[in-house]
Amino acid sequence: MNADYIKLAQIAYDTVFRTMIEGEKKHGPDEWKKQTMGDQIEHLKNHVLRKYFNVPTGDDDITHAMTRCAMIKYLEAEKQISNINSHEEVES
């Protein structure tokens, strides 16, 4: 396995974990789960655009964008699980 993949994965893990802990202190636990997928994507887009256009925000926009991507992947996976569970309930 490419050692750079391991380093990259560790950076992503550490980045998202740290950002989630900081976000929980500021916004409370699991507040991000209450947002729609559209809201998540809008936040992601804003962080990327602010970084691209070098708009000072006081946030590390790449860190926040990475975290939003992880949140979106999590919510997609949870939706698949919900869809599977609701589908099984209908068949029962």
PDB file of N, CA and C in Angstrom:
ATOM      1  N   MET A   1       0.853  -1.182   0.000  1.00  0.00           N
ATOM      2  CA  MET A   1       0.000   0.000   0.000  1.00  0.00           C
ATOM      3  C   MET A   1       0.896   1.242   0.000  1.00  0.00           C
ATOM      4  N   ASN A   2       0.460   2.246  -0.698  1.00  0.00           N
ATOM      5  CA  ASN A   2       1.192   3.499  -0.788  1.00  0.00           C
ATOM      6  C   ASN A   2       1.183   4.206   0.569  1.00  0.00           C
ATOM      7  N   ALA A   3       2.350   4.485   1.109  1.00  0.00           N
ATOM      8  CA  ALA A   3       2.470   5.126   2.429  1.00  0.00           C
ATOM      9  C   ALA A   3       1.824   6.504   2.449  1.00  0.00           C
ATOM     10  N   ASP A   4       1.814   7.180   1.312  1.00  0.00           N
ATOM     11  CA  ASP A   4       1.174   8.510   1.265  1.00  0.00           C
ATOM     12  C   ASP A   4      -0.329   8.413   1.508  1.00  0.00           C
ATOM     13  N   TYR A   5      -0.955   7.312   1.105  1.00  0.00           N
ATOM     14  CA  TYR A   5      -2.390   7.127   1.346  1.00  0.00           C
ATOM     15  C   TYR A   5      -2.668   7.054   2.841  1.00  0.00           C
ATOM     16  N   ILE A   6      -1.795   6.371   3.544  1.00  0.00           N
ATOM     17  CA  ILE A   6      -1.960   6.258   4.994  1.00  0.00           C
ATOM     18  C   ILE A   6      -1.802   7.625   5.650  1.00  0.00           C
ATOM     19  N   LYS A   7      -0.795   8.378   5.226  1.00  0.00           N
ATOM     20  CA  LYS A   7      -0.593   9.725   5.772  1.00  0.00           C
ATOM     21  C   LYS A   7      -1.786  10.622   5.470  1.00  0.00           C
ATOM     22  N   LEU A   8      -2.272  10.540   4.242  1.00  0.00           N
ATOM     23  CA  LEU A   8      -3.419  11.353   3.835  1.00  0.00           C
ATOM     24  C   LEU A   8      -4.660  10.996   4.644  1.00  0.00           C
ATOM     25  N   ALA A   9      -4.898   9.720   4.827  1.00  0.00           N
ATOM     26  CA  ALA A   9      -6.058   9.278   5.603  1.00  0.00           C
ATOM     27  C   ALA A   9      -5.947   9.752   7.050  1.00  0.00           C
ATOM     28  N   GLN A  10      -4.744   9.719   7.610  1.00  0.00           N
ATOM     29  CA  GLN A  10      -4.557  10.167   8.989  1.00  0.00           C
ATOM     30  C   GLN A  10      -4.794  11.669   9.113  1.00  0.00           C
ATOM     31  N   ILE A  11      -4.318  12.429   8.129  1.00  0.00           N
ATOM     32  CA  ILE A  11      -4.566  13.877   8.127  1.00  0.00           C
ATOM     33  C   ILE A  11      -6.056  14.151   8.048  1.00  0.00           C
ATOM     34  N   ALA A  12      -6.761  13.451   7.171  1.00  0.00           N
ATOM     35  CA  ALA A  12      -8.208  13.647   7.036  1.00  0.00           C
ATOM     36  C   ALA A  12      -8.916  13.293   8.336  1.00  0.00           C
ATOM     37  N   TYR A  13      -8.557  12.176   8.934  1.00  0.00           N
ATOM     38  CA  TYR A  13      -9.172  11.754  10.194  1.00  0.00           C
ATOM     39  C   TYR A  13      -8.942  12.796  11.281  1.00  0.00           C
ATOM     40  N   ASP A  14      -7.686  13.183  11.466  1.00  0.00           N
ATOM     41  CA  ASP A  14      -7.354  14.155  12.511  1.00  0.00           C
ATOM     42  C   ASP A  14      -8.060  15.487  12.279  1.00  0.00           C
ATOM     43  N   THR A  15      -8.097  15.918  11.030  1.00  0.00           N
ATOM     44  CA  THR A  15      -8.719  17.192  10.686  1.00  0.00           C
ATOM     45  C   THR A  15     -10.210  17.180  10.996  1.00  0.00           C
ATOM     46  N   VAL A  16     -10.896  16.165  10.531  1.00  0.00           N
ATOM     47  CA  VAL A  16     -12.342  16.080  10.738  1.00  0.00           C
ATOM     48  C   VAL A  16     -12.657  15.905  12.221  1.00  0.00           C
ATOM     49  N   PHE A  17     -11.925  15.064  12.893  1.00  0.00           N
ATOM     50  CA  PHE A  17     -12.169  14.828  14.317  1.00  0.00           C
ATOM     51  C   PHE A  17     -12.007  16.123  15.122  1.00  0.00           C
ATOM     52  N   ARG A  18     -10.916  16.825  14.904  1.00  0.00           N
ATOM     53  CA  ARG A  18     -10.657  18.083  15.610  1.00  0.00           C
ATOM     54  C   ARG A  18     -11.736  19.129  15.302  1.00  0.00           C
ATOM     55  N   THR A  19     -12.123  19.223  14.056  1.00  0.00           N
ATOM     56  CA  THR A  19     -13.135  20.205  13.666  1.00  0.00           C
ATOM     57  C   THR A  19     -14.494  19.864  14.269  1.00  0.00           C
ATOM     58  N   MET A  20     -14.832  18.586  14.336  1.00  0.00           N
ATOM     59  CA  MET A  20     -16.100  18.172  14.938  1.00  0.00           C
ATOM     60  C   MET A  20     -16.123  18.501  16.437  1.00  0.00           C
ATOM     61  N   ILE A  21     -15.019  18.256  17.129  1.00  0.00           N
ATOM     62  CA  ILE A  21     -14.940  18.565  18.564  1.00  0.00           C
ATOM     63  C   ILE A  21     -15.093  20.063  18.788  1.00  0.00           C
ATOM     64  N   GLU A  22     -14.396  20.870  17.990  1.00  0.00           N
ATOM     65  CA  GLU A  22     -14.511  22.330  18.100  1.00  0.00           C
ATOM     66  C   GLU A  22     -15.933  22.789  17.784  1.00  0.00           C
ATOM     67  N   GLY A  23     -16.530  22.210  16.757  1.00  0.00           N
ATOM     68  CA  GLY A  23     -17.893  22.569  16.374  1.00  0.00           C
ATOM     69  C   GLY A  23     -18.908  22.219  17.439  1.00  0.00           C
ATOM     70  N   GLU A  24     -18.701  21.104  18.109  1.00  0.00           N
ATOM     71  CA  GLU A  24     -19.618  20.700  19.176  1.00  0.00           C
ATOM     72  C   GLU A  24     -19.579  21.694  20.335  1.00  0.00           C
ATOM     73  N   LYS A  25     -18.396  22.199  20.633  1.00  0.00           N
ATOM     74  CA  LYS A  25     -18.274  23.199  21.697  1.00  0.00           C
ATOM     75  C   LYS A  25     -19.018  24.481  21.340  1.00  0.00           C
ATOM     76  N   LYS A  26     -18.972  24.833  20.074  1.00  0.00           N
ATOM     77  CA  LYS A  26     -19.583  26.081  19.613  1.00  0.00           C
ATOM     78  C   LYS A  26     -21.087  25.946  19.354  1.00  0.00           C
ATOM     79  N   HIS A  27     -21.489  24.833  18.756  1.00  0.00           N
ATOM     80  CA  HIS A  27     -22.881  24.675  18.289  1.00  0.00           C
ATOM     81  C   HIS A  27     -23.689  23.640  19.055  1.00  0.00           C
ATOM     82  N   GLY A  28     -23.035  22.881  19.911  1.00  0.00           N
ATOM     83  CA  GLY A  28     -23.735  21.806  20.615  1.00  0.00           C
ATOM     84  C   GLY A  28     -23.592  20.492  19.873  1.00  0.00           C
ATOM     85  N   PRO A  29     -23.879  19.396  20.574  1.00  0.00           N
ATOM     86  CA  PRO A  29     -23.713  18.075  19.948  1.00  0.00           C
ATOM     87  C   PRO A  29     -24.760  17.808  18.867  1.00  0.00           C
ATOM     88  N   ASP A  30     -24.286  17.284  17.781  1.00  0.00           N
ATOM     89  CA  ASP A  30     -25.135  16.788  16.686  1.00  0.00           C
ATOM     90  C   ASP A  30     -26.022  17.836  16.020  1.00  0.00           C
ATOM     91  N   GLU A  31     -25.736  19.108  16.205  1.00  0.00           N
ATOM     92  CA  GLU A  31     -26.523  20.146  15.516  1.00  0.00           C
ATOM     93  C   GLU A  31     -26.439  19.996  14.000  1.00  0.00           C
ATOM     94  N   TRP A  32     -25.294  19.555  13.515  1.00  0.00           N
ATOM     95  CA  TRP A  32     -25.089  19.404  12.080  1.00  0.00           C
ATOM     96  C   TRP A  32     -26.028  18.363  11.472  1.00  0.00           C
ATOM     97  N   LYS A  33     -26.469  17.408  12.265  1.00  0.00           N
ATOM     98  CA  LYS A  33     -27.373  16.368  11.756  1.00  0.00           C
ATOM     99  C   LYS A  33     -28.774  16.917  11.495  1.00  0.00           C
ATOM    100  N   LYS A  34     -29.082  18.068  12.066  1.00  0.00           N
ATOM    101  CA  LYS A  34     -30.410  18.662  11.898  1.00  0.00           C
ATOM    102  C   LYS A  34     -30.524  19.461  10.604  1.00  0.00           C
ATOM    103  N   GLN A  35     -29.405  19.661   9.920  1.00  0.00           N
ATOM    104  CA  GLN A  35     -29.410  20.422   8.677  1.00  0.00           C
ATOM    105  C   GLN A  35     -29.760  19.514   7.501  1.00  0.00           C
ATOM    106  N   THR A  36     -30.390  20.101   6.514  1.00  0.00           N
ATOM    107  CA  THR A  36     -30.721  19.334   5.311  1.00  0.00           C
ATOM    108  C   THR A  36     -29.454  19.071   4.499  1.00  0.00           C
ATOM    109  N   MET A  37     -29.549  18.149   3.574  1.00  0.00           N
ATOM    110  CA  MET A  37     -28.425  17.881   2.688  1.00  0.00           C
ATOM    111  C   MET A  37     -28.086  19.141   1.881  1.00  0.00           C
ATOM    112  N   GLY A  38     -29.107  19.885   1.485  1.00  0.00           N
ATOM    113  CA  GLY A  38     -28.864  21.140   0.769  1.00  0.00           C
ATOM    114  C   GLY A  38     -28.085  22.137   1.610  1.00  0.00           C
ATOM    115  N   ASP A  39     -28.414  22.217   2.896  1.00  0.00           N
ATOM    116  CA  ASP A  39     -27.671  23.099   3.807  1.00  0.00           C
ATOM    117  C   ASP A  39     -26.215  22.658   3.912  1.00  0.00           C
ATOM    118  N   GLN A  40     -26.014  21.355   4.028  1.00  0.00           N
ATOM    119  CA  GLN A  40     -24.641  20.833   4.129  1.00  0.00           C
ATOM    120  C   GLN A  40     -23.832  21.221   2.892  1.00  0.00           C
ATOM    121  N   ILE A  41     -24.427  21.038   1.733  1.00  0.00           N
ATOM    122  CA  ILE A  41     -23.736  21.343   0.478  1.00  0.00           C
ATOM    123  C   ILE A  41     -23.488  22.842   0.361  1.00  0.00           C
ATOM    124  N   GLU A  42     -24.430  23.645   0.796  1.00  0.00           N
ATOM    125  CA  GLU A  42     -24.252  25.104   0.763  1.00  0.00           C
ATOM    126  C   GLU A  42     -23.088  25.530   1.655  1.00  0.00           C
ATOM    127  N   HIS A  43     -22.995  24.964   2.854  1.00  0.00           N
ATOM    128  CA  HIS A  43     -21.864  25.264   3.747  1.00  0.00           C
ATOM    129  C   HIS A  43     -20.544  24.847   3.098  1.00  0.00           C
ATOM    130  N   LEU A  44     -20.530  23.665   2.504  1.00  0.00           N
ATOM    131  CA  LEU A  44     -19.333  23.184   1.818  1.00  0.00           C
ATOM    132  C   LEU A  44     -18.930  24.158   0.708  1.00  0.00           C
ATOM    133  N   LYS A  45     -19.893  24.521  -0.113  1.00  0.00           N
ATOM    134  CA  LYS A  45     -19.632  25.427  -1.228  1.00  0.00           C
ATOM    135  C   LYS A  45     -19.074  26.761  -0.732  1.00  0.00           C
ATOM    136  N   ASN A  46     -19.662  27.285   0.332  1.00  0.00           N
ATOM    137  CA  ASN A  46     -19.194  28.570   0.864  1.00  0.00           C
ATOM    138  C   ASN A  46     -17.753  28.492   1.355  1.00  0.00           C
ATOM    139  N   HIS A  47     -17.409  27.404   2.034  1.00  0.00           N
ATOM    140  CA  HIS A  47     -16.028  27.262   2.512  1.00  0.00           C
ATOM    141  C   HIS A  47     -15.049  27.182   1.343  1.00  0.00           C
ATOM    142  N   VAL A  48     -15.401  26.434   0.309  1.00  0.00           N
ATOM    143  CA  VAL A  48     -14.525  26.302  -0.853  1.00  0.00           C
ATOM    144  C   VAL A  48     -14.382  27.638  -1.579  1.00  0.00           C
ATOM    145  N   LEU A  49     -15.490  28.340  -1.772  1.00  0.00           N
ATOM    146  CA  LEU A  49     -15.431  29.625  -2.465  1.00  0.00           C
ATOM    147  C   LEU A  49     -14.640  30.666  -1.680  1.00  0.00           C
ATOM    148  N   ARG A  50     -14.822  30.688  -0.365  1.00  0.00           N
ATOM    149  CA  ARG A  50     -14.056  31.652   0.448  1.00  0.00           C
ATOM    150  C   ARG A  50     -12.562  31.350   0.359  1.00  0.00           C
ATOM    151  N   LYS A  51     -12.199  30.079   0.351  1.00  0.00           N
ATOM    152  CA  LYS A  51     -10.790  29.719   0.206  1.00  0.00           C
ATOM    153  C   LYS A  51     -10.292  30.113  -1.180  1.00  0.00           C
ATOM    154  N   TYR A  52     -11.062  29.805  -2.208  1.00  0.00           N
ATOM    155  CA  TYR A  52     -10.666  30.087  -3.589  1.00  0.00           C
ATOM    156  C   TYR A  52     -10.470  31.587  -3.818  1.00  0.00           C
ATOM    157  N   PHE A  53     -11.390  32.389  -3.292  1.00  0.00           N
ATOM    158  CA  PHE A  53     -11.311  33.838  -3.488  1.00  0.00           C
ATOM    159  C   PHE A  53     -10.539  34.541  -2.375  1.00  0.00           C
ATOM    160  N   ASN A  54      -9.931  33.756  -1.484  1.00  0.00           N
ATOM    161  CA  ASN A  54      -9.091  34.283  -0.413  1.00  0.00           C
ATOM    162  C   ASN A  54      -9.829  35.306   0.452  1.00  0.00           C
ATOM    163  N   VAL A  55     -11.045  34.953   0.835  1.00  0.00           N
ATOM    164  CA  VAL A  55     -11.865  35.810   1.686  1.00  0.00           C
ATOM    165  C   VAL A  55     -11.542  35.474   3.145  1.00  0.00           C
ATOM    166  N   PRO A  56     -11.009  36.431   3.911  1.00  0.00           N
ATOM    167  CA  PRO A  56     -10.693  36.127   5.305  1.00  0.00           C
ATOM    168  C   PRO A  56     -11.964  35.923   6.137  1.00  0.00           C
ATOM    169  N   THR A  57     -12.007  34.804   6.855  1.00  0.00           N
ATOM    170  CA  THR A  57     -13.201  34.483   7.637  1.00  0.00           C
ATOM    171  C   THR A  57     -12.881  34.185   9.102  1.00  0.00           C
ATOM    172  N   GLY A  58     -11.625  33.959   9.402  1.00  0.00           N
ATOM    173  CA  GLY A  58     -11.260  33.528  10.742  1.00  0.00           C
ATOM    174  C   GLY A  58     -11.344  32.017  10.892  1.00  0.00           C
ATOM    175  N   ASP A  59     -11.912  31.338   9.904  1.00  0.00           N
ATOM    176  CA  ASP A  59     -11.985  29.872   9.893  1.00  0.00           C
ATOM    177  C   ASP A  59     -10.915  29.337   8.945  1.00  0.00           C
ATOM    178  N   ASP A  60     -10.489  28.121   9.192  1.00  0.00           N
ATOM    179  CA  ASP A  60      -9.677  27.401   8.213  1.00  0.00           C
ATOM    180  C   ASP A  60     -10.673  26.740   7.265  1.00  0.00           C
ATOM    181  N   ASP A  61     -10.941  27.403   6.156  1.00  0.00           N
ATOM    182  CA  ASP A  61     -12.020  26.971   5.277  1.00  0.00           C
ATOM    183  C   ASP A  61     -11.785  25.597   4.656  1.00  0.00           C
ATOM    184  N   ILE A  62     -10.544  25.224   4.394  1.00  0.00           N
ATOM    185  CA  ILE A  62     -10.287  23.892   3.844  1.00  0.00           C
ATOM    186  C   ILE A  62     -10.612  22.827   4.886  1.00  0.00           C
ATOM    187  N   THR A  63     -10.233  23.086   6.128  1.00  0.00           N
ATOM    188  CA  THR A  63     -10.560  22.166   7.218  1.00  0.00           C
ATOM    189  C   THR A  63     -12.068  22.002   7.346  1.00  0.00           C
ATOM    190  N   HIS A  64     -12.785  23.115   7.291  1.00  0.00           N
ATOM    191  CA  HIS A  64     -14.243  23.058   7.407  1.00  0.00           C
ATOM    192  C   HIS A  64     -14.868  22.395   6.182  1.00  0.00           C
ATOM    193  N   ALA A  65     -14.304  22.614   5.000  1.00  0.00           N
ATOM    194  CA  ALA A  65     -14.818  21.970   3.794  1.00  0.00           C
ATOM    195  C   ALA A  65     -14.621  20.448   3.873  1.00  0.00           C
ATOM    196  N   MET A  66     -13.444  20.017   4.333  1.00  0.00           N
ATOM    197  CA  MET A  66     -13.201  18.580   4.501  1.00  0.00           C
ATOM    198  C   MET A  66     -14.215  17.970   5.459  1.00  0.00           C
ATOM    199  N   THR A  67     -14.488  18.681   6.528  1.00  0.00           N
ATOM    200  CA  THR A  67     -15.425  18.185   7.528  1.00  0.00           C
ATOM    201  C   THR A  67     -16.828  18.114   6.955  1.00  0.00           C
ATOM    202  N   ARG A  68     -17.230  19.120   6.185  1.00  0.00           N
ATOM    203  CA  ARG A  68     -18.556  19.078   5.543  1.00  0.00           C
ATOM    204  C   ARG A  68     -18.656  17.897   4.591  1.00  0.00           C
ATOM    205  N   CYS A  69     -17.577  17.593   3.863  1.00  0.00           N
ATOM    206  CA  CYS A  69     -17.592  16.426   2.974  1.00  0.00           C
ATOM    207  C   CYS A  69     -17.823  15.154   3.781  1.00  0.00           C
ATOM    208  N   ALA A  70     -17.142  15.044   4.917  1.00  0.00           N
ATOM    209  CA  ALA A  70     -17.318  13.863   5.766  1.00  0.00           C
ATOM    210  C   ALA A  70     -18.739  13.797   6.304  1.00  0.00           C
ATOM    211  N   MET A  71     -19.293  14.943   6.694  1.00  0.00           N
ATOM    212  CA  MET A  71     -20.670  14.981   7.191  1.00  0.00           C
ATOM    213  C   MET A  71     -21.641  14.499   6.109  1.00  0.00           C
ATOM    214  N   ILE A  72     -21.429  14.957   4.893  1.00  0.00           N
ATOM    215  CA  ILE A  72     -22.292  14.575   3.777  1.00  0.00           C
ATOM    216  C   ILE A  72     -22.205  13.070   3.536  1.00  0.00           C
ATOM    217  N   LYS A  73     -20.990  12.520   3.551  1.00  0.00           N
ATOM    218  CA  LYS A  73     -20.833  11.072   3.364  1.00  0.00           C
ATOM    219  C   LYS A  73     -21.519  10.302   4.488  1.00  0.00           C
ATOM    220  N   TYR A  74     -21.393  10.787   5.712  1.00  0.00           N
ATOM    221  CA  TYR A  74     -22.056  10.153   6.852  1.00  0.00           C
ATOM    222  C   TYR A  74     -23.573  10.160   6.658  1.00  0.00           C
ATOM    223  N   LEU A  75     -24.121  11.312   6.309  1.00  0.00           N
ATOM    224  CA  LEU A  75     -25.567  11.430   6.145  1.00  0.00           C
ATOM    225  C   LEU A  75     -26.069  10.583   4.982  1.00  0.00           C
ATOM    226  N   GLU A  76     -25.283  10.495   3.914  1.00  0.00           N
ATOM    227  CA  GLU A  76     -25.658   9.617   2.801  1.00  0.00           C
ATOM    228  C   GLU A  76     -25.707   8.161   3.257  1.00  0.00           C
ATOM    229  N   ALA A  77     -24.713   7.744   4.021  1.00  0.00           N
ATOM    230  CA  ALA A  77     -24.675   6.361   4.511  1.00  0.00           C
ATOM    231  C   ALA A  77     -25.847   6.101   5.450  1.00  0.00           C
ATOM    232  N   GLU A  78     -26.148   7.043   6.323  1.00  0.00           N
ATOM    233  CA  GLU A  78     -27.277   6.892   7.238  1.00  0.00           C
ATOM    234  C   GLU A  78     -28.594   6.819   6.481  1.00  0.00           C
ATOM    235  N   LYS A  79     -28.706   7.604   5.417  1.00  0.00           N
ATOM    236  CA  LYS A  79     -29.931   7.576   4.611  1.00  0.00           C
ATOM    237  C   LYS A  79     -30.092   6.210   3.956  1.00  0.00           C
ATOM    238  N   GLN A  80     -28.992   5.642   3.473  1.00  0.00           N
ATOM    239  CA  GLN A  80     -29.058   4.310   2.875  1.00  0.00           C
ATOM    240  C   GLN A  80     -29.508   3.295   3.914  1.00  0.00           C
ATOM    241  N   ILE A  81     -28.987   3.413   5.124  1.00  0.00           N
ATOM    242  CA  ILE A  81     -29.390   2.494   6.185  1.00  0.00           C
ATOM    243  C   ILE A  81     -30.866   2.687   6.496  1.00  0.00           C
ATOM    244  N   SER A  82     -31.318   3.940   6.587  1.00  0.00           N
ATOM    245  CA  SER A  82     -32.733   4.209   6.845  1.00  0.00           C
ATOM    246  C   SER A  82     -33.600   3.645   5.731  1.00  0.00           C
ATOM    247  N   ASN A  83     -33.167   3.838   4.489  1.00  0.00           N
ATOM    248  CA  ASN A  83     -33.937   3.326   3.356  1.00  0.00           C
ATOM    249  C   ASN A  83     -34.002   1.810   3.393  1.00  0.00           C
ATOM    250  N   ILE A  84     -32.909   1.158   3.755  1.00  0.00           N
ATOM    251  CA  ILE A  84     -32.903  -0.308   3.853  1.00  0.00           C
ATOM    252  C   ILE A  84     -33.859  -0.740   4.965  1.00  0.00           C
ATOM    253  N   ASN A  85     -33.772  -0.087   6.132  1.00  0.00           N
ATOM    254  CA  ASN A  85     -34.627  -0.449   7.260  1.00  0.00           C
ATOM    255  C   ASN A  85     -36.098  -0.210   6.950  1.00  0.00           C
ATOM    256  N   SER A  86     -36.412   0.925   6.321  1.00  0.00           N
ATOM    257  CA  SER A  86     -37.824   1.203   6.010  1.00  0.00           C
ATOM    258  C   SER A  86     -38.323   0.252   4.932  1.00  0.00           C
ATOM    259  N   HIS A  87     -37.456  -0.148   4.022  1.00  0.00           N
ATOM    260  CA  HIS A  87     -37.830  -1.100   2.983  1.00  0.00           C
ATOM    261  C   HIS A  87     -38.106  -2.464   3.601  1.00  0.00           C
ATOM    262  N   GLU A  88     -37.294  -2.863   4.577  1.00  0.00           N
ATOM    263  CA  GLU A  88     -37.512  -4.152   5.255  1.00  0.00           C
ATOM    264  C   GLU A  88     -38.820  -4.143   6.034  1.00  0.00           C
ATOM    265  N   GLU A  89     -39.175  -2.992   6.632  1.00  0.00           N
ATOM    266  CA  GLU A  89     -40.418  -2.890   7.388  1.00  0.00           C
ATOM    267  C   GLU A  89     -41.616  -3.030   6.466  1.00  0.00           C
ATOM    268  N   VAL A  90     -41.532  -2.480   5.254  1.00  0.00           N
ATOM    269  CA  VAL A  90     -42.633  -2.563   4.300  1.00  0.00           C
ATOM    270  C   VAL A  90     -42.829  -3.998   3.850  1.00  0.00           C
ATOM    271  N   GLU A  91     -41.718  -4.741   3.657  1.00  0.00           N
ATOM    272  CA  GLU A  91     -41.814  -6.128   3.206  1.00  0.00           C
ATOM    273  C   GLU A  91     -42.346  -7.054   4.285  1.00  0.00           C
ATOM    274  N   SER A  92     -42.177  -6.692   5.563  1.00  0.00           N
ATOM    275  CA  SER A  92     -42.588  -7.583   6.662  1.00  0.00           C
ATOM    276  C   SER A  92     -44.077  -7.757   6.760  1.00  0.00           C
TER     277      SER A  92
END
